[in-house]
Protein backbone atom coordinates (compact mmCIF):
# COMPACT_ATOMS: atom_id res chain seq x y z
CA MET A 1 -0.10 -47.88 -9.35
CA ALA A 2 -2.43 -49.31 -11.98
CA ARG A 3 -5.04 -47.04 -13.49
CA TRP A 4 -8.63 -47.81 -12.50
CA LYS A 5 -10.56 -49.59 -15.23
CA LYS A 6 -14.33 -49.25 -15.49
CA PRO A 7 -15.95 -52.68 -15.02
CA THR A 8 -18.04 -54.31 -17.73
CA LYS A 9 -21.80 -54.76 -17.32
CA ASP A 10 -21.24 -58.39 -16.34
CA GLU A 11 -18.63 -57.37 -13.76
CA ILE A 12 -21.01 -54.75 -12.33
CA LEU A 13 -23.74 -57.39 -12.00
CA GLU A 14 -21.29 -59.76 -10.31
CA ASN A 15 -20.08 -56.98 -7.99
CA ARG A 16 -23.67 -56.18 -7.01
CA GLN A 17 -24.40 -59.83 -6.25
CA THR A 18 -21.25 -60.13 -4.16
CA LEU A 19 -22.01 -56.94 -2.24
CA ALA A 20 -25.62 -58.01 -1.66
CA GLU A 21 -24.46 -61.35 -0.26
CA ARG A 22 -21.93 -59.63 2.00
CA ALA A 23 -24.68 -57.27 3.20
CA ARG A 24 -26.96 -60.25 3.97
CA THR A 25 -24.23 -61.92 6.01
CA GLY A 26 -23.29 -58.71 7.86
CA ASP A 27 -19.85 -58.54 6.26
CA LEU A 28 -20.33 -55.13 4.62
CA ARG A 29 -19.15 -52.31 6.87
CA LEU A 30 -18.47 -48.60 6.65
CA PRO A 31 -16.34 -46.94 5.42
CA ASN A 32 -15.17 -49.63 2.98
CA ALA A 33 -18.73 -50.36 1.88
CA VAL A 34 -19.19 -46.93 0.32
CA ALA A 35 -16.10 -47.25 -1.86
CA GLU A 36 -17.02 -50.83 -2.76
CA ILE A 37 -20.56 -49.82 -3.73
CA ARG A 38 -19.25 -46.94 -5.85
CA GLU A 39 -16.50 -48.94 -7.53
CA GLY A 40 -18.76 -51.98 -7.90
CA SER A 41 -21.20 -49.79 -9.80
CA GLY A 42 -18.42 -48.67 -12.11
CA MET A 43 -18.56 -45.03 -11.01
CA THR A 44 -15.82 -42.54 -10.36
CA GLN A 45 -16.14 -40.39 -7.25
CA GLU A 46 -17.30 -37.53 -9.46
CA GLU A 47 -20.05 -39.60 -11.12
CA PHE A 48 -21.10 -40.95 -7.72
CA THR A 49 -21.28 -37.50 -6.13
CA ASN A 50 -23.29 -36.09 -9.04
CA MET A 51 -25.78 -38.96 -8.89
CA LEU A 52 -26.29 -38.56 -5.14
CA ALA A 53 -26.04 -34.75 -4.96
CA LEU A 54 -23.10 -34.93 -2.53
CA THR A 55 -19.76 -33.17 -2.68
CA ARG A 56 -16.70 -35.08 -3.83
CA ARG A 57 -14.94 -34.11 -0.61
CA HIS A 58 -17.78 -35.58 1.47
CA VAL A 59 -17.66 -38.88 -0.42
CA ALA A 60 -13.85 -39.01 -0.16
CA GLU A 61 -14.05 -38.39 3.61
CA ILE A 62 -16.72 -41.08 4.04
CA GLU A 63 -14.64 -43.58 2.05
CA ALA A 64 -11.55 -42.73 4.11
CA GLY A 65 -13.42 -43.12 7.39
CA ALA A 66 -12.87 -39.45 8.21
CA ALA A 67 -16.56 -38.48 8.15
CA ASN A 68 -19.68 -39.79 9.83
CA PRO A 69 -22.42 -39.68 7.21
CA MET A 70 -25.95 -38.75 8.20
CA LEU A 71 -28.68 -41.37 7.90
CA GLU A 72 -30.11 -39.57 4.87
CA THR A 73 -26.73 -39.85 3.10
CA LEU A 74 -26.45 -43.56 3.91
CA GLU A 75 -29.96 -44.13 2.60
CA LYS A 76 -29.09 -42.36 -0.69
CA ILE A 77 -26.02 -44.55 -1.10
CA GLY A 78 -27.90 -47.71 -0.16
CA ARG A 79 -30.64 -47.09 -2.71
CA LEU A 80 -28.14 -47.76 -5.50
CA PHE A 81 -28.26 -51.43 -4.48
CA LYS A 82 -31.77 -51.40 -3.04
CA PHE A 83 -30.16 -51.70 0.41
CA SER A 84 -31.90 -50.35 3.46
CA VAL A 85 -30.05 -48.95 6.43
CA TRP A 86 -30.50 -50.62 9.80
CA PHE A 87 -28.49 -50.80 12.95
CA VAL A 88 -27.41 -53.70 15.11
CA ARG A 89 -27.08 -53.37 18.87
């Protein structure tokens, strides 16, 4: 398995634009979105958890689909991309 490589500033900008477009079209879904936001920002799980004041285990469980994050947690994660959390019926 290839080692993860931190993206360049240009790649981070491109990742953010891609994720924002996917969010606008409704194609960004949990749990994959959390990992994509983190990786797209060029952060390891440890960096991500420190920034958001979450535990690494909690982030890993969210990314694996094994945890149901609270609204407050989703809002913290969304703020990285200036995303707001809303629900569709």
